[in-house]
Amino acid sequence: MDALRNELSNYIPWFLAFHLIAVVAWMSAMLYMPRLFVYHTEAVPGSESSERFKVMERKLLKAIINPSMIVVWILGPLLAWLTGAYLDTWMQIKFVLVIIMSGMHGLFVRCWRDFANDRNAHSARFYRIVNEVPALLMVLIVILVKVQPFGD
């Protein structure tokens, strides 16, 4: 296992670069999806604009949100293992926040399914409020990564 870890350690800059690219893509889409939901709530179910939002939401989810989250979840733990950061308190807190972000992802998938079936149960105000959660989580995660306030 140490041989594998040593070999993979040579690629840490590459893993980190692709991890950051995936994080940027995931966060951009996680901030955009609830905004689409806000506009979609204002469209009449079955209307041309409602159908257009369905296409936009599906493409955003399938082409950006899901693939980028998968890459984040593959490379993040890999980097934590390779660098030993998984032992640090700041990383453990970050991990919990990323789990919460993944829960938001799951909520957005459920809302997307509801919209796709013309069963949205939430108001535009709900989506405006929910839109702030990924932003707040992102701020906290970046602070944890860059400041590492709970140095071990």
Protein backbone atom coordinates (compact mmCIF):
# COMPACT_ATOMS: atom_id res chain seq x y z
CA MET A 1 0.00 0.00 0.00
CA ASP A 2 2.91 2.35 0.74
CA ALA A 3 4.32 1.73 -2.73
CA LEU A 4 1.01 2.71 -4.30
CA ARG A 5 0.79 5.79 -2.11
CA ASN A 6 4.33 6.82 -3.03
CA GLU A 7 3.66 6.33 -6.74
CA LEU A 8 0.37 8.24 -6.67
CA SER A 9 1.99 11.05 -4.65
CA ASN A 10 3.89 12.00 -7.80
CA TYR A 11 0.56 13.07 -9.30
CA ILE A 12 -0.75 15.18 -6.42
CA PRO A 13 -0.53 18.46 -8.42
CA TRP A 14 -2.59 16.87 -11.21
CA PHE A 15 -5.13 15.40 -8.82
CA LEU A 16 -5.44 18.75 -7.06
CA ALA A 17 -5.88 20.64 -10.35
CA PHE A 18 -8.67 18.33 -11.51
CA HIS A 19 -10.24 18.35 -8.05
CA LEU A 20 -10.38 22.16 -8.12
CA ILE A 21 -11.81 22.19 -11.64
CA ALA A 22 -14.52 19.77 -10.53
CA VAL A 23 -15.26 21.84 -7.42
CA VAL A 24 -15.65 25.00 -9.50
CA ALA A 25 -17.98 23.22 -11.93
CA TRP A 26 -20.01 21.62 -9.13
CA MET A 27 -20.38 24.87 -7.20
CA SER A 28 -21.28 26.89 -10.29
CA ALA A 29 -24.02 24.42 -11.15
CA MET A 30 -25.18 24.11 -7.53
CA LEU A 31 -25.64 27.88 -7.44
CA TYR A 32 -27.38 27.98 -10.82
CA MET A 33 -29.84 25.08 -10.40
CA PRO A 34 -31.97 26.66 -7.64
CA ARG A 35 -32.00 29.89 -9.66
CA LEU A 36 -33.50 27.92 -12.55
CA PHE A 37 -36.04 26.50 -10.10
CA VAL A 38 -37.02 30.05 -9.07
CA TYR A 39 -37.81 30.91 -12.68
CA HIS A 40 -39.44 27.53 -13.30
CA THR A 41 -41.92 28.10 -10.45
CA GLU A 42 -43.16 31.15 -12.35
CA ALA A 43 -43.84 29.13 -15.52
CA VAL A 44 -47.17 27.46 -16.13
CA PRO A 45 -46.79 23.64 -16.10
CA GLY A 46 -46.85 22.30 -19.64
CA SER A 47 -46.07 25.71 -21.16
CA GLU A 48 -43.25 26.24 -23.63
CA SER A 49 -41.14 28.01 -21.01
CA SER A 50 -41.74 25.23 -18.45
CA GLU A 51 -40.61 22.63 -20.98
CA ARG A 52 -37.52 24.73 -21.78
CA PHE A 53 -36.63 24.89 -18.06
CA LYS A 54 -37.01 21.12 -17.85
CA VAL A 55 -34.44 20.70 -20.63
CA MET A 56 -32.05 23.22 -19.06
CA GLU A 57 -32.34 21.60 -15.63
CA ARG A 58 -31.85 18.10 -17.00
CA LYS A 59 -28.75 19.10 -18.99
CA LEU A 60 -27.28 20.98 -16.04
CA LEU A 61 -27.81 18.01 -13.75
CA LYS A 62 -26.66 15.27 -16.13
CA ALA A 63 -23.78 17.10 -17.83
CA ILE A 64 -22.33 19.21 -15.01
CA ILE A 65 -23.66 18.67 -11.49
CA ASN A 66 -23.53 14.87 -11.34
CA PRO A 67 -20.20 14.31 -13.15
CA SER A 68 -18.41 17.09 -11.28
CA MET A 69 -19.66 15.82 -7.90
CA ILE A 70 -18.40 12.33 -8.76
CA VAL A 71 -14.95 13.70 -9.60
CA VAL A 72 -14.92 15.74 -6.36
CA TRP A 73 -15.78 12.61 -4.37
CA ILE A 74 -13.09 10.53 -6.09
CA LEU A 75 -10.23 13.03 -5.99
CA GLY A 76 -10.99 14.69 -2.63
CA PRO A 77 -10.63 11.56 -0.48
CA LEU A 78 -7.70 10.44 -2.63
CA LEU A 79 -5.89 13.71 -1.95
CA ALA A 80 -6.75 13.55 1.76
CA TRP A 81 -5.26 10.05 1.90
CA LEU A 82 -2.16 10.88 -0.14
CA THR A 83 -1.33 13.97 1.90
CA GLY A 84 -2.41 12.58 5.28
CA ALA A 85 -4.78 15.53 5.68
CA TYR A 86 -7.61 13.15 6.63
CA LEU A 87 -6.11 13.16 10.14
CA ASP A 88 -6.49 16.94 10.51
CA THR A 89 -9.50 18.43 12.28
CA TRP A 90 -10.06 21.04 9.57
CA MET A 91 -10.31 18.27 6.96
CA GLN A 92 -12.74 16.28 9.06
CA ILE A 93 -14.98 19.35 9.42
CA LYS A 94 -14.62 20.01 5.69
CA PHE A 95 -15.67 16.43 5.01
CA VAL A 96 -18.86 16.94 7.04
CA LEU A 97 -19.61 20.14 5.09
CA VAL A 98 -19.07 18.33 1.78
CA ILE A 99 -21.51 15.65 2.95
CA ILE A 100 -24.04 18.41 3.65
CA MET A 101 -23.34 19.87 0.18
CA SER A 102 -23.98 16.41 -1.25
CA GLY A 103 -27.27 16.38 0.65
CA MET A 104 -28.16 19.67 -1.05
CA HIS A 105 -27.29 17.98 -4.33
CA GLY A 106 -29.75 15.23 -3.44
CA LEU A 107 -32.42 17.81 -2.60
CA PHE A 108 -31.89 19.45 -5.99
CA VAL A 109 -32.25 16.07 -7.71
CA ARG A 110 -35.54 15.50 -5.90
CA CYS A 111 -36.77 18.99 -6.86
CA TRP A 112 -35.67 18.40 -10.46
CA ARG A 113 -37.72 15.19 -10.55
CA ASP A 114 -40.73 17.04 -9.16
CA PHE A 115 -40.43 19.75 -11.82
CA ALA A 116 -39.94 17.11 -14.54
CA ASN A 117 -43.25 15.55 -13.46
CA ASP A 118 -45.01 18.93 -13.02
CA ARG A 119 -45.28 18.31 -9.26
CA ASN A 120 -43.27 21.18 -7.78
CA ALA A 121 -44.41 21.75 -4.20
CA HIS A 122 -42.18 24.72 -3.31
CA SER A 123 -42.39 28.46 -3.82
CA ALA A 124 -39.89 30.69 -5.58
CA ARG A 125 -39.03 32.07 -2.11
CA PHE A 126 -38.08 28.57 -0.93
CA TYR A 127 -35.65 28.21 -3.85
CA ARG A 128 -34.20 31.68 -3.25
CA ILE A 129 -33.44 30.71 0.35
CA VAL A 130 -32.13 27.26 -0.59
CA ASN A 131 -29.89 28.94 -3.17
CA GLU A 132 -27.88 30.48 -0.31
CA VAL A 133 -26.98 27.18 1.36
CA PRO A 134 -24.38 26.02 -1.22
CA ALA A 135 -22.84 29.51 -1.19
CA LEU A 136 -22.50 29.47 2.60
CA LEU A 137 -21.09 25.94 2.59
CA MET A 138 -18.61 26.91 -0.13
CA VAL A 139 -17.36 29.89 1.90
CA LEU A 140 -16.88 27.73 5.00
CA ILE A 141 -15.11 25.00 3.02
CA VAL A 142 -12.71 27.44 1.34
CA ILE A 143 -11.88 29.04 4.69
CA LEU A 144 -11.19 25.62 6.21
CA VAL A 145 -8.91 24.65 3.31
CA LYS A 146 -6.96 27.89 3.08
CA VAL A 147 -6.77 28.91 6.76
CA GLN A 148 -6.76 25.45 8.33
CA PRO A 149 -7.88 26.99 11.63
CA PHE A 150 -7.73 23.78 13.65
CA GLY A 151 -4.10 22.91 13.01
CA ASP A 152 -3.17 19.59 14.50
